């Protein structure tokens, strides 16, 4: 199963949610009918990804035609507890250490903000 298939499956489940926007001013009488049929996926086009009204859905390309960073979007990063445990046991790579410090600094900022609100 290619990564694109996984992304399409997740997007298909997200598109099952009813998404409706407010009508723009001046368009009285027209109603938003919501998404088209949910669950009809195609192997040739990215169903439901046409951005503009009346625009055709974009075709699905080969995996090699997509940028390399796209395939890293669904990788799960280690959380604070896992990073702290690894730091004490084995040590961390520079990237993991930087992530741990960012998480630590964010939690300190959140604690300060929450304390000032009380």
PDB file of N, CA and C in Angstrom:
ATOM      1  N   UNK A   1       0.856  -1.171   0.000  1.00  0.00           N
ATOM      2  CA  UNK A   1       0.000   0.000   0.000  1.00  0.00           C
ATOM      3  C   UNK A   1       0.902   1.233   0.000  1.00  0.00           C
ATOM      4  N   UNK A   2       0.735   2.074  -0.978  1.00  0.00           N
ATOM      5  CA  UNK A   2       1.590   3.261  -1.063  1.00  0.00           C
ATOM      6  C   UNK A   2       1.143   4.305  -0.048  1.00  0.00           C
ATOM      7  N   UNK A   3       2.051   5.229   0.227  1.00  0.00           N
ATOM      8  CA  UNK A   3       1.760   6.286   1.201  1.00  0.00           C
ATOM      9  C   UNK A   3       0.599   7.148   0.712  1.00  0.00           C
ATOM     10  N   UNK A   4       0.508   7.317  -0.601  1.00  0.00           N
ATOM     11  CA  UNK A   4      -0.584   8.113  -1.156  1.00  0.00           C
ATOM     12  C   UNK A   4      -1.928   7.458  -0.854  1.00  0.00           C
ATOM     13  N   UNK A   5      -1.973   6.126  -0.894  1.00  0.00           N
ATOM     14  CA  UNK A   5      -3.216   5.424  -0.567  1.00  0.00           C
ATOM     15  C   UNK A   5      -3.617   5.660   0.874  1.00  0.00           C
ATOM     16  N   UNK A   6      -2.623   5.668   1.773  1.00  0.00           N
ATOM     17  CA  UNK A   6      -2.896   5.918   3.187  1.00  0.00           C
ATOM     18  C   UNK A   6      -3.444   7.321   3.371  1.00  0.00           C
ATOM     19  N   UNK A   7      -2.809   8.297   2.696  1.00  0.00           N
ATOM     20  CA  UNK A   7      -3.264   9.684   2.798  1.00  0.00           C
ATOM     21  C   UNK A   7      -4.667   9.812   2.235  1.00  0.00           C
ATOM     22  N   UNK A   8      -4.934   9.154   1.108  1.00  0.00           N
ATOM     23  CA  UNK A   8      -6.267   9.228   0.507  1.00  0.00           C
ATOM     24  C   UNK A   8      -7.305   8.612   1.429  1.00  0.00           C
ATOM     25  N   UNK A   9      -6.959   7.506   2.117  1.00  0.00           N
ATOM     26  CA  UNK A   9      -7.904   6.877   3.042  1.00  0.00           C
ATOM     27  C   UNK A   9      -8.230   7.820   4.188  1.00  0.00           C
ATOM     28  N   UNK A  10      -7.183   8.476   4.726  1.00  0.00           N
ATOM     29  CA  UNK A  10      -7.423   9.407   5.833  1.00  0.00           C
ATOM     30  C   UNK A  10      -8.222  10.610   5.346  1.00  0.00           C
ATOM     31  N   UNK A  11      -7.911  11.112   4.145  1.00  0.00           N
ATOM     32  CA  UNK A  11      -8.655  12.248   3.618  1.00  0.00           C
ATOM     33  C   UNK A  11     -10.093  11.845   3.347  1.00  0.00           C
ATOM     34  N   UNK A  12     -10.301  10.595   2.922  1.00  0.00           N
ATOM     35  CA  UNK A  12     -11.661  10.121   2.675  1.00  0.00           C
ATOM     36  C   UNK A  12     -12.474  10.099   3.945  1.00  0.00           C
ATOM     37  N   UNK A  13     -11.837   9.710   5.059  1.00  0.00           N
ATOM     38  CA  UNK A  13     -12.576   9.679   6.320  1.00  0.00           C
ATOM     39  C   UNK A  13     -12.843  11.085   6.831  1.00  0.00           C
ATOM     40  N   UNK A  14     -11.927  12.011   6.555  1.00  0.00           N
ATOM     41  CA  UNK A  14     -12.139  13.403   6.962  1.00  0.00           C
ATOM     42  C   UNK A  14     -13.248  14.026   6.128  1.00  0.00           C
ATOM     43  N   UNK A  15     -13.265  13.700   4.824  1.00  0.00           N
ATOM     44  CA  UNK A  15     -14.273  14.309   3.957  1.00  0.00           C
ATOM     45  C   UNK A  15     -15.668  13.776   4.250  1.00  0.00           C
ATOM     46  N   UNK A  16     -15.776  12.720   5.047  1.00  0.00           N
ATOM     47  CA  UNK A  16     -17.095  12.209   5.412  1.00  0.00           C
ATOM     48  C   UNK A  16     -17.804  13.138   6.385  1.00  0.00           C
ATOM     49  N   UNK A  17     -17.034  14.019   7.032  1.00  0.00           N
ATOM     50  CA  UNK A  17     -17.643  14.977   7.943  1.00  0.00           C
ATOM     51  C   UNK A  17     -18.365  16.054   7.138  1.00  0.00           C
ATOM     52  N   UNK A  18     -19.522  16.475   7.570  1.00  0.00           N
ATOM     53  CA  UNK A  18     -20.217  17.519   6.825  1.00  0.00           C
ATOM     54  C   UNK A  18     -19.504  18.859   6.978  1.00  0.00           C
ATOM     55  N   UNK A  19     -19.094  19.442   5.863  1.00  0.00           N
ATOM     56  CA  UNK A  19     -18.404  20.721   5.888  1.00  0.00           C
ATOM     57  C   UNK A  19     -19.224  21.718   5.079  1.00  0.00           C
ATOM     58  N   UNK A  20     -19.674  22.741   5.730  1.00  0.00           N
ATOM     59  CA  UNK A  20     -20.470  23.746   5.048  1.00  0.00           C
ATOM     60  C   UNK A  20     -19.938  25.116   5.421  1.00  0.00           C
ATOM     61  N   UNK A  21     -19.926  25.996   4.455  1.00  0.00           N
ATOM     62  CA  UNK A  21     -19.449  27.352   4.689  1.00  0.00           C
ATOM     63  C   UNK A  21     -20.615  28.316   4.562  1.00  0.00           C
ATOM     64  N   UNK A  22     -20.457  29.468   5.170  1.00  0.00           N
ATOM     65  CA  UNK A  22     -21.489  30.494   5.054  1.00  0.00           C
ATOM     66  C   UNK A  22     -21.535  30.995   3.622  1.00  0.00           C
ATOM     67  N   UNK A  23     -22.722  31.338   3.176  1.00  0.00           N
ATOM     68  CA  UNK A  23     -22.861  31.868   1.817  1.00  0.00           C
ATOM     69  C   UNK A  23     -22.264  33.267   1.740  1.00  0.00           C
ATOM     70  N   UNK A  24     -21.571  33.577   0.644  1.00  0.00           N
ATOM     71  CA  UNK A  24     -21.056  34.932   0.498  1.00  0.00           C
ATOM     72  C   UNK A  24     -22.194  35.936   0.359  1.00  0.00           C
ATOM     73  N   UNK A  25     -21.931  37.169   0.756  1.00  0.00           N
ATOM     74  CA  UNK A  25     -22.959  38.211   0.680  1.00  0.00           C
ATOM     75  C   UNK A  25     -23.384  38.422  -0.764  1.00  0.00           C
ATOM     76  N   UNK A  26     -24.667  38.610  -0.977  1.00  0.00           N
ATOM     77  CA  UNK A  26     -25.176  38.902  -2.306  1.00  0.00           C
ATOM     78  C   UNK A  26     -25.626  37.677  -3.067  1.00  0.00           C
ATOM     79  N   UNK A  27     -25.443  36.494  -2.549  1.00  0.00           N
ATOM     80  CA  UNK A  27     -25.865  35.286  -3.252  1.00  0.00           C
ATOM     81  C   UNK A  27     -27.080  34.701  -2.553  1.00  0.00           C
ATOM     82  N   UNK A  28     -28.155  35.402  -2.569  1.00  0.00           N
ATOM     83  CA  UNK A  28     -29.366  34.938  -1.908  1.00  0.00           C
ATOM     84  C   UNK A  28     -30.068  33.922  -2.800  1.00  0.00           C
ATOM     85  N   UNK A  29     -30.651  32.961  -2.163  1.00  0.00           N
ATOM     86  CA  UNK A  29     -31.431  31.984  -2.903  1.00  0.00           C
ATOM     87  C   UNK A  29     -30.666  30.717  -3.221  1.00  0.00           C
ATOM     88  N   UNK A  30     -29.355  30.780  -3.350  1.00  0.00           N
ATOM     89  CA  UNK A  30     -28.608  29.548  -3.621  1.00  0.00           C
ATOM     90  C   UNK A  30     -28.288  28.871  -2.295  1.00  0.00           C
ATOM     91  N   UNK A  31     -28.342  27.561  -2.284  1.00  0.00           N
ATOM     92  CA  UNK A  31     -28.111  26.814  -1.057  1.00  0.00           C
ATOM     93  C   UNK A  31     -26.869  25.955  -1.216  1.00  0.00           C
ATOM     94  N   UNK A  32     -26.161  25.786  -0.121  1.00  0.00           N
ATOM     95  CA  UNK A  32     -25.012  24.900  -0.102  1.00  0.00           C
ATOM     96  C   UNK A  32     -25.535  23.478   0.040  1.00  0.00           C
ATOM     97  N   UNK A  33     -25.227  22.645  -0.920  1.00  0.00           N
ATOM     98  CA  UNK A  33     -25.727  21.282  -0.901  1.00  0.00           C
ATOM     99  C   UNK A  33     -24.770  20.327  -0.216  1.00  0.00           C
ATOM    100  N   UNK A  34     -23.632  20.848   0.305  1.00  0.00           N
ATOM    101  CA  UNK A  34     -22.670  20.004   1.004  1.00  0.00           C
ATOM    102  C   UNK A  34     -21.832  19.187   0.036  1.00  0.00           C
ATOM    103  N   UNK A  35     -21.091  18.240   0.555  1.00  0.00           N
ATOM    104  CA  UNK A  35     -20.228  17.442  -0.311  1.00  0.00           C
ATOM    105  C   UNK A  35     -21.033  16.530  -1.217  1.00  0.00           C
ATOM    106  N   UNK A  36     -20.420  16.141  -2.330  1.00  0.00           N
ATOM    107  CA  UNK A  36     -21.054  15.183  -3.226  1.00  0.00           C
ATOM    108  C   UNK A  36     -21.105  13.836  -2.513  1.00  0.00           C
ATOM    109  N   UNK A  37     -21.273  12.777  -3.211  1.00  0.00           N
ATOM    110  CA  UNK A  37     -21.366  11.471  -2.587  1.00  0.00           C
ATOM    111  C   UNK A  37     -20.076  11.148  -1.848  1.00  0.00           C
ATOM    112  N   UNK A  38     -20.218  10.782  -0.591  1.00  0.00           N
ATOM    113  CA  UNK A  38     -19.075  10.463   0.252  1.00  0.00           C
ATOM    114  C   UNK A  38     -18.724   8.992   0.071  1.00  0.00           C
ATOM    115  N   UNK A  39     -17.432   8.697  -0.017  1.00  0.00           N
ATOM    116  CA  UNK A  39     -16.998   7.321  -0.094  1.00  0.00           C
ATOM    117  C   UNK A  39     -16.717   6.819  -1.492  1.00  0.00           C
ATOM    118  N   UNK A  40     -16.988   7.618  -2.514  1.00  0.00           N
ATOM    119  CA  UNK A  40     -16.693   7.206  -3.876  1.00  0.00           C
ATOM    120  C   UNK A  40     -15.279   7.640  -4.220  1.00  0.00           C
ATOM    121  N   UNK A  41     -14.309   6.762  -4.014  1.00  0.00           N
ATOM    122  CA  UNK A  41     -12.925   7.081  -4.308  1.00  0.00           C
ATOM    123  C   UNK A  41     -12.533   6.478  -5.648  1.00  0.00           C
ATOM    124  N   UNK A  42     -11.585   7.121  -6.289  1.00  0.00           N
ATOM    125  CA  UNK A  42     -11.113   6.683  -7.584  1.00  0.00           C
ATOM    126  C   UNK A  42      -9.621   6.442  -7.529  1.00  0.00           C
ATOM    127  N   UNK A  43      -9.123   5.587  -8.400  1.00  0.00           N
ATOM    128  CA  UNK A  43      -7.681   5.347  -8.482  1.00  0.00           C
ATOM    129  C   UNK A  43      -7.017   6.290  -9.470  1.00  0.00           C
ATOM    130  N   UNK A  44      -7.789   7.046 -10.227  1.00  0.00           N
ATOM    131  CA  UNK A  44      -7.232   7.944 -11.237  1.00  0.00           C
ATOM    132  C   UNK A  44      -7.200   9.406 -10.798  1.00  0.00           C
ATOM    133  N   UNK A  45      -8.174   9.830  -9.982  1.00  0.00           N
ATOM    134  CA  UNK A  45      -8.246  11.229  -9.552  1.00  0.00           C
ATOM    135  C   UNK A  45      -8.404  11.302  -8.038  1.00  0.00           C
ATOM    136  N   UNK A  46      -7.944  12.416  -7.460  1.00  0.00           N
ATOM    137  CA  UNK A  46      -8.101  12.647  -6.021  1.00  0.00           C
ATOM    138  C   UNK A  46      -9.509  13.186  -5.790  1.00  0.00           C
ATOM    139  N   UNK A  47     -10.411  12.316  -5.422  1.00  0.00           N
ATOM    140  CA  UNK A  47     -11.828  12.644  -5.305  1.00  0.00           C
ATOM    141  C   UNK A  47     -12.057  13.713  -4.245  1.00  0.00           C
ATOM    142  N   UNK A  48     -12.777  14.769  -4.617  1.00  0.00           N
ATOM    143  CA  UNK A  48     -13.134  15.821  -3.674  1.00  0.00           C
ATOM    144  C   UNK A  48     -12.053  16.845  -3.424  1.00  0.00           C
ATOM    145  N   UNK A  49     -10.998  16.850  -4.206  1.00  0.00           N
ATOM    146  CA  UNK A  49      -9.891  17.789  -3.980  1.00  0.00           C
ATOM    147  C   UNK A  49      -9.925  18.978  -4.927  1.00  0.00           C
ATOM    148  N   UNK A  50     -10.923  19.082  -5.776  1.00  0.00           N
ATOM    149  CA  UNK A  50     -11.058  20.258  -6.634  1.00  0.00           C
ATOM    150  C   UNK A  50     -11.378  21.458  -5.769  1.00  0.00           C
ATOM    151  N   UNK A  51     -10.529  22.485  -5.808  1.00  0.00           N
ATOM    152  CA  UNK A  51     -10.653  23.605  -4.892  1.00  0.00           C
ATOM    153  C   UNK A  51     -11.770  24.555  -5.308  1.00  0.00           C
ATOM    154  N   UNK A  52     -11.839  24.882  -6.559  1.00  0.00           N
ATOM    155  CA  UNK A  52     -12.836  25.840  -7.032  1.00  0.00           C
ATOM    156  C   UNK A  52     -14.111  25.123  -7.468  1.00  0.00           C
ATOM    157  N   UNK A  53     -15.214  25.829  -7.377  1.00  0.00           N
ATOM    158  CA  UNK A  53     -16.495  25.263  -7.758  1.00  0.00           C
ATOM    159  C   UNK A  53     -16.473  24.921  -9.247  1.00  0.00           C
ATOM    160  N   UNK A  54     -16.875  23.719  -9.567  1.00  0.00           N
ATOM    161  CA  UNK A  54     -16.918  23.293 -10.950  1.00  0.00           C
ATOM    162  C   UNK A  54     -15.576  22.815 -11.485  1.00  0.00           C
ATOM    163  N   UNK A  55     -14.528  22.887 -10.691  1.00  0.00           N
ATOM    164  CA  UNK A  55     -13.205  22.459 -11.125  1.00  0.00           C
ATOM    165  C   UNK A  55     -13.113  20.934 -11.034  1.00  0.00           C
ATOM    166  N   UNK A  56     -12.438  20.335 -12.001  1.00  0.00           N
ATOM    167  CA  UNK A  56     -12.273  18.894 -11.999  1.00  0.00           C
ATOM    168  C   UNK A  56     -11.278  18.483 -10.908  1.00  0.00           C
ATOM    169  N   UNK A  57     -11.439  17.274 -10.416  1.00  0.00           N
ATOM    170  CA  UNK A  57     -10.511  16.759  -9.413  1.00  0.00           C
ATOM    171  C   UNK A  57      -9.142  16.526 -10.054  1.00  0.00           C
ATOM    172  N   UNK A  58      -8.059  16.815  -9.330  1.00  0.00           N
ATOM    173  CA  UNK A  58      -6.719  16.637  -9.896  1.00  0.00           C
ATOM    174  C   UNK A  58      -6.381  15.151 -10.035  1.00  0.00           C
ATOM    175  N   UNK A  59      -5.608  14.802 -11.075  1.00  0.00           N
ATOM    176  CA  UNK A  59      -5.240  13.396 -11.257  1.00  0.00           C
ATOM    177  C   UNK A  59      -4.220  12.956 -10.204  1.00  0.00           C
ATOM    178  N   UNK A  60      -4.231  11.674  -9.889  1.00  0.00           N
ATOM    179  CA  UNK A  60      -3.249  11.103  -8.958  1.00  0.00           C
ATOM    180  C   UNK A  60      -2.006  10.756  -9.762  1.00  0.00           C
ATOM    181  N   UNK A  61      -0.861  11.233  -9.280  1.00  0.00           N
ATOM    182  CA  UNK A  61       0.404  10.984  -9.974  1.00  0.00           C
ATOM    183  C   UNK A  61       1.124   9.797  -9.338  1.00  0.00           C
ATOM    184  N   UNK A  62       2.233   9.415  -9.968  1.00  0.00           N
ATOM    185  CA  UNK A  62       3.077   8.361  -9.402  1.00  0.00           C
ATOM    186  C   UNK A  62       3.752   8.899  -8.146  1.00  0.00           C
ATOM    187  N   UNK A  63       4.106   8.010  -7.214  1.00  0.00           N
ATOM    188  CA  UNK A  63       4.721   8.424  -5.955  1.00  0.00           C
ATOM    189  C   UNK A  63       6.005   9.213  -6.177  1.00  0.00           C
ATOM    190  N   UNK A  64       6.736   8.914  -7.224  1.00  0.00           N
ATOM    191  CA  UNK A  64       8.010   9.591  -7.481  1.00  0.00           C
ATOM    192  C   UNK A  64       7.830  11.051  -7.889  1.00  0.00           C
ATOM    193  N   UNK A  65       6.636  11.433  -8.317  1.00  0.00           N
ATOM    194  CA  UNK A  65       6.387  12.806  -8.753  1.00  0.00           C
ATOM    195  C   UNK A  65       6.050  13.750  -7.594  1.00  0.00           C
ATOM    196  N   UNK A  66       5.830  13.219  -6.402  1.00  0.00           N
ATOM    197  CA  UNK A  66       5.521  14.046  -5.245  1.00  0.00           C
ATOM    198  C   UNK A  66       6.805  14.396  -4.500  1.00  0.00           C
ATOM    199  N   UNK A  67       6.853  15.528  -3.776  1.00  0.00           N
ATOM    200  CA  UNK A  67       8.069  15.902  -3.048  1.00  0.00           C
ATOM    201  C   UNK A  67       8.360  14.912  -1.911  1.00  0.00           C
ATOM    202  N   UNK A  68       9.642  14.795  -1.572  1.00  0.00           N
ATOM    203  CA  UNK A  68      10.054  13.801  -0.581  1.00  0.00           C
ATOM    204  C   UNK A  68       9.505  14.107   0.814  1.00  0.00           C
ATOM    205  N   UNK A  69       9.316  15.389   1.157  1.00  0.00           N
ATOM    206  CA  UNK A  69       8.840  15.739   2.496  1.00  0.00           C
ATOM    207  C   UNK A  69       7.412  15.262   2.734  1.00  0.00           C
ATOM    208  N   UNK A  70       6.662  15.033   1.661  1.00  0.00           N
ATOM    209  CA  UNK A  70       5.275  14.614   1.797  1.00  0.00           C
ATOM    210  C   UNK A  70       5.161  13.271   2.517  1.00  0.00           C
ATOM    211  N   UNK A  71       6.129  12.388   2.283  1.00  0.00           N
ATOM    212  CA  UNK A  71       6.065  11.045   2.848  1.00  0.00           C
ATOM    213  C   UNK A  71       6.447  11.034   4.317  1.00  0.00           C
ATOM    214  N   UNK A  72       6.953  12.132   4.851  1.00  0.00           N
ATOM    215  CA  UNK A  72       7.304  12.200   6.270  1.00  0.00           C
ATOM    216  C   UNK A  72       6.208  12.827   7.123  1.00  0.00           C
ATOM    217  N   UNK A  73       5.114  13.247   6.513  1.00  0.00           N
ATOM    218  CA  UNK A  73       4.059  13.931   7.268  1.00  0.00           C
ATOM    219  C   UNK A  73       3.357  13.017   8.270  1.00  0.00           C
ATOM    220  N   UNK A  74       3.246  11.755   7.944  1.00  0.00           N
ATOM    221  CA  UNK A  74       2.497  10.850   8.814  1.00  0.00           C
ATOM    222  C   UNK A  74       3.373  10.103   9.812  1.00  0.00           C
ATOM    223  N   UNK A  75       4.675  10.377   9.836  1.00  0.00           N
ATOM    224  CA  UNK A  75       5.532   9.701  10.809  1.00  0.00           C
ATOM    225  C   UNK A  75       5.267  10.281  12.192  1.00  0.00           C
ATOM    226  N   UNK A  76       5.143   9.413  13.157  1.00  0.00           N
ATOM    227  CA  UNK A  76       4.842   9.828  14.518  1.00  0.00           C
ATOM    228  C   UNK A  76       6.152  10.143  15.232  1.00  0.00           C
ATOM    229  N   UNK A  77       6.252  11.334  15.813  1.00  0.00           N
ATOM    230  CA  UNK A  77       7.447  11.721  16.545  1.00  0.00           C
ATOM    231  C   UNK A  77       7.307  11.322  18.008  1.00  0.00           C
ATOM    232  N   UNK A  78       8.447  11.113  18.638  1.00  0.00           N
ATOM    233  CA  UNK A  78       8.448  10.723  20.042  1.00  0.00           C
ATOM    234  C   UNK A  78       7.993  11.889  20.903  1.00  0.00           C
ATOM    235  N   UNK A  79       7.256  11.565  21.952  1.00  0.00           N
ATOM    236  CA  UNK A  79       6.759  12.581  22.864  1.00  0.00           C
ATOM    237  C   UNK A  79       7.770  12.916  23.945  1.00  0.00           C
ATOM    238  N   UNK A  80       7.368  13.806  24.829  1.00  0.00           N
ATOM    239  CA  UNK A  80       8.253  14.294  25.888  1.00  0.00           C
ATOM    240  C   UNK A  80       8.715  13.165  26.802  1.00  0.00           C
ATOM    241  N   UNK A  81       7.800  12.307  27.238  1.00  0.00           N
ATOM    242  CA  UNK A  81       8.154  11.227  28.151  1.00  0.00           C
ATOM    243  C   UNK A  81       9.134  10.244  27.522  1.00  0.00           C
ATOM    244  N   UNK A  82       8.890   9.888  26.249  1.00  0.00           N
ATOM    245  CA  UNK A  82       9.791   8.972  25.569  1.00  0.00           C
ATOM    246  C   UNK A  82      11.183   9.584  25.408  1.00  0.00           C
ATOM    247  N   UNK A  83      11.234  10.858  25.031  1.00  0.00           N
ATOM    248  CA  UNK A  83      12.519  11.528  24.842  1.00  0.00           C
ATOM    249  C   UNK A  83      13.286  11.638  26.158  1.00  0.00           C
ATOM    250  N   UNK A  84      12.577  11.941  27.248  1.00  0.00           N
ATOM    251  CA  UNK A  84      13.242  12.025  28.548  1.00  0.00           C
ATOM    252  C   UNK A  84      13.804  10.667  28.969  1.00  0.00           C
ATOM    253  N   UNK A  85      13.039   9.606  28.740  1.00  0.00           N
ATOM    254  CA  UNK A  85      13.503   8.264  29.084  1.00  0.00           C
ATOM    255  C   UNK A  85      14.740   7.895  28.257  1.00  0.00           C
ATOM    256  N   UNK A  86      14.709   8.184  26.962  1.00  0.00           N
ATOM    257  CA  UNK A  86      15.863   7.899  26.108  1.00  0.00           C
ATOM    258  C   UNK A  86      17.075   8.729  26.517  1.00  0.00           C
ATOM    259  N   UNK A  87      16.829   9.965  26.918  1.00  0.00           N
ATOM    260  CA  UNK A  87      17.922  10.844  27.342  1.00  0.00           C
ATOM    261  C   UNK A  87      18.649  10.257  28.550  1.00  0.00           C
ATOM    262  N   UNK A  88      17.889   9.723  29.494  1.00  0.00           N
ATOM    263  CA  UNK A  88      18.487   9.162  30.699  1.00  0.00           C
ATOM    264  C   UNK A  88      19.149   7.811  30.436  1.00  0.00           C
ATOM    265  N   UNK A  89      18.590   7.008  29.530  1.00  0.00           N
ATOM    266  CA  UNK A  89      19.100   5.661  29.296  1.00  0.00           C
ATOM    267  C   UNK A  89      20.229   5.614  28.266  1.00  0.00           C
ATOM    268  N   UNK A  90      19.966   6.127  27.071  1.00  0.00           N
ATOM    269  CA  UNK A  90      20.885   5.935  25.954  1.00  0.00           C
ATOM    270  C   UNK A  90      21.534   7.225  25.460  1.00  0.00           C
ATOM    271  N   UNK A  91      20.858   8.319  25.615  1.00  0.00           N
ATOM    272  CA  UNK A  91      21.299   9.561  25.007  1.00  0.00           C
ATOM    273  C   UNK A  91      20.466   9.841  23.764  1.00  0.00           C
ATOM    274  N   UNK A  92      20.520  11.070  23.294  1.00  0.00           N
ATOM    275  CA  UNK A  92      19.700  11.489  22.158  1.00  0.00           C
ATOM    276  C   UNK A  92      20.576  11.994  21.023  1.00  0.00           C
ATOM    277  N   UNK A  93      20.038  11.900  19.823  1.00  0.00           N
ATOM    278  CA  UNK A  93      20.693  12.509  18.672  1.00  0.00           C
ATOM    279  C   UNK A  93      20.496  14.024  18.779  1.00  0.00           C
ATOM    280  N   UNK A  94      21.274  14.822  18.066  1.00  0.00           N
ATOM    281  CA  UNK A  94      21.089  16.281  18.142  1.00  0.00           C
ATOM    282  C   UNK A  94      19.670  16.731  17.780  1.00  0.00           C
ATOM    283  N   UNK A  95      19.056  16.093  16.791  1.00  0.00           N
ATOM    284  CA  UNK A  95      17.693  16.474  16.398  1.00  0.00           C
ATOM    285  C   UNK A  95      16.695  16.143  17.515  1.00  0.00           C
ATOM    286  N   UNK A  96      16.867  14.979  18.146  1.00  0.00           N
ATOM    287  CA  UNK A  96      15.964  14.596  19.236  1.00  0.00           C
ATOM    288  C   UNK A  96      16.161  15.500  20.453  1.00  0.00           C
ATOM    289  N   UNK A  97      17.415  15.867  20.725  1.00  0.00           N
ATOM    290  CA  UNK A  97      17.696  16.754  21.843  1.00  0.00           C
ATOM    291  C   UNK A  97      17.073  18.132  21.616  1.00  0.00           C
ATOM    292  N   UNK A  98      17.166  18.614  20.385  1.00  0.00           N
ATOM    293  CA  UNK A  98      16.555  19.909  20.049  1.00  0.00           C
ATOM    294  C   UNK A  98      15.046  19.845  20.229  1.00  0.00           C
ATOM    295  N   UNK A  99      14.426  18.736  19.796  1.00  0.00           N
ATOM    296  CA  UNK A  99      12.976  18.575  19.958  1.00  0.00           C
ATOM    297  C   UNK A  99      12.600  18.540  21.435  1.00  0.00           C
ATOM    298  N   UNK A 100      13.388  17.842  22.262  1.00  0.00           N
ATOM    299  CA  UNK A 100      13.111  17.783  23.698  1.00  0.00           C
ATOM    300  C   UNK A 100      13.169  19.173  24.309  1.00  0.00           C
ATOM    301  N   UNK A 101      14.170  19.965  23.932  1.00  0.00           N
ATOM    302  CA  UNK A 101      14.283  21.322  24.481  1.00  0.00           C
ATOM    303  C   UNK A 101      13.120  22.205  24.033  1.00  0.00           C
ATOM    304  N   UNK A 102      12.694  22.069  22.799  1.00  0.00           N
ATOM    305  CA  UNK A 102      11.544  22.851  22.326  1.00  0.00           C
ATOM    306  C   UNK A 102      10.285  22.498  23.106  1.00  0.00           C
ATOM    307  N   UNK A 103      10.088  21.200  23.349  1.00  0.00           N
ATOM    308  CA  UNK A 103       8.918  20.763  24.114  1.00  0.00           C
ATOM    309  C   UNK A 103       9.003  21.293  25.547  1.00  0.00           C
ATOM    310  N   UNK A 104      10.197  21.223  26.140  1.00  0.00           N
ATOM    311  CA  UNK A 104      10.399  21.716  27.512  1.00  0.00           C
ATOM    312  C   UNK A 104      10.097  23.206  27.600  1.00  0.00           C
ATOM    313  N   UNK A 105      10.645  23.975  26.661  1.00  0.00           N
ATOM    314  CA  UNK A 105      10.427  25.427  26.687  1.00  0.00           C
ATOM    315  C   UNK A 105       8.954  25.768  26.496  1.00  0.00           C
ATOM    316  N   UNK A 106       8.285  25.032  25.633  1.00  0.00           N
ATOM    317  CA  UNK A 106       6.863  25.270  25.417  1.00  0.00           C
ATOM    318  C   UNK A 106       6.068  24.984  26.683  1.00  0.00           C
ATOM    319  N   UNK A 107       6.409  23.893  27.391  1.00  0.00           N
ATOM    320  CA  UNK A 107       5.666  23.575  28.611  1.00  0.00           C
ATOM    321  C   UNK A 107       5.915  24.622  29.700  1.00  0.00           C
ATOM    322  N   UNK A 108       7.144  25.171  29.771  1.00  0.00           N
ATOM    323  CA  UNK A 108       7.434  26.230  30.749  1.00  0.00           C
ATOM    324  C   UNK A 108       6.619  27.484  30.422  1.00  0.00           C
ATOM    325  N   UNK A 109       6.560  27.836  29.134  1.00  0.00           N
ATOM    326  CA  UNK A 109       5.768  29.009  28.725  1.00  0.00           C
ATOM    327  C   UNK A 109       4.296  28.817  29.060  1.00  0.00           C
ATOM    328  N   UNK A 110       3.782  27.620  28.811  1.00  0.00           N
ATOM    329  CA  UNK A 110       2.375  27.347  29.108  1.00  0.00           C
ATOM    330  C   UNK A 110       2.099  27.447  30.609  1.00  0.00           C
ATOM    331  N   UNK A 111       3.018  26.930  31.427  1.00  0.00           N
ATOM    332  CA  UNK A 111       2.835  27.012  32.867  1.00  0.00           C
ATOM    333  C   UNK A 111       2.842  28.454  33.347  1.00  0.00           C
ATOM    334  N   UNK A 112       3.748  29.280  32.780  1.00  0.00           N
ATOM    335  CA  UNK A 112       3.787  30.700  33.159  1.00  0.00           C
ATOM    336  C   UNK A 112       2.506  31.407  32.750  1.00  0.00           C
ATOM    337  N   UNK A 113       2.037  31.151  31.546  1.00  0.00           N
ATOM    338  CA  UNK A 113       0.797  31.772  31.078  1.00  0.00           C
ATOM    339  C   UNK A 113      -0.394  31.359  31.939  1.00  0.00           C
ATOM    340  N   UNK A 114      -0.457  30.089  32.270  1.00  0.00           N
ATOM    341  CA  UNK A 114      -1.575  29.595  33.088  1.00  0.00           C
ATOM    342  C   UNK A 114      -1.505  30.171  34.504  1.00  0.00           C
ATOM    343  N   UNK A 115      -0.292  30.335  35.039  1.00  0.00           N
ATOM    344  CA  UNK A 115      -0.158  30.891  36.381  1.00  0.00           C
ATOM    345  C   UNK A 115      -0.555  32.365  36.405  1.00  0.00           C
ATOM    346  N   UNK A 116      -0.261  33.089  35.332  1.00  0.00           N
ATOM    347  CA  UNK A 116      -0.593  34.515  35.301  1.00  0.00           C
ATOM    348  C   UNK A 116      -2.099  34.738  35.137  1.00  0.00           C
ATOM    349  N   UNK A 117      -2.829  33.776  34.653  1.00  0.00           N
ATOM    350  CA  UNK A 117      -4.280  33.915  34.456  1.00  0.00           C
ATOM    351  C   UNK A 117      -5.058  33.710  35.750  1.00  0.00           C
ATOM    352  N   UNK A 118      -4.452  33.082  36.738  1.00  0.00           N
ATOM    353  CA  UNK A 118      -5.170  32.777  37.983  1.00  0.00           C
ATOM    354  C   UNK A 118      -5.351  33.972  38.842  1.00  0.00           C
TER     355      UNK A 118
END
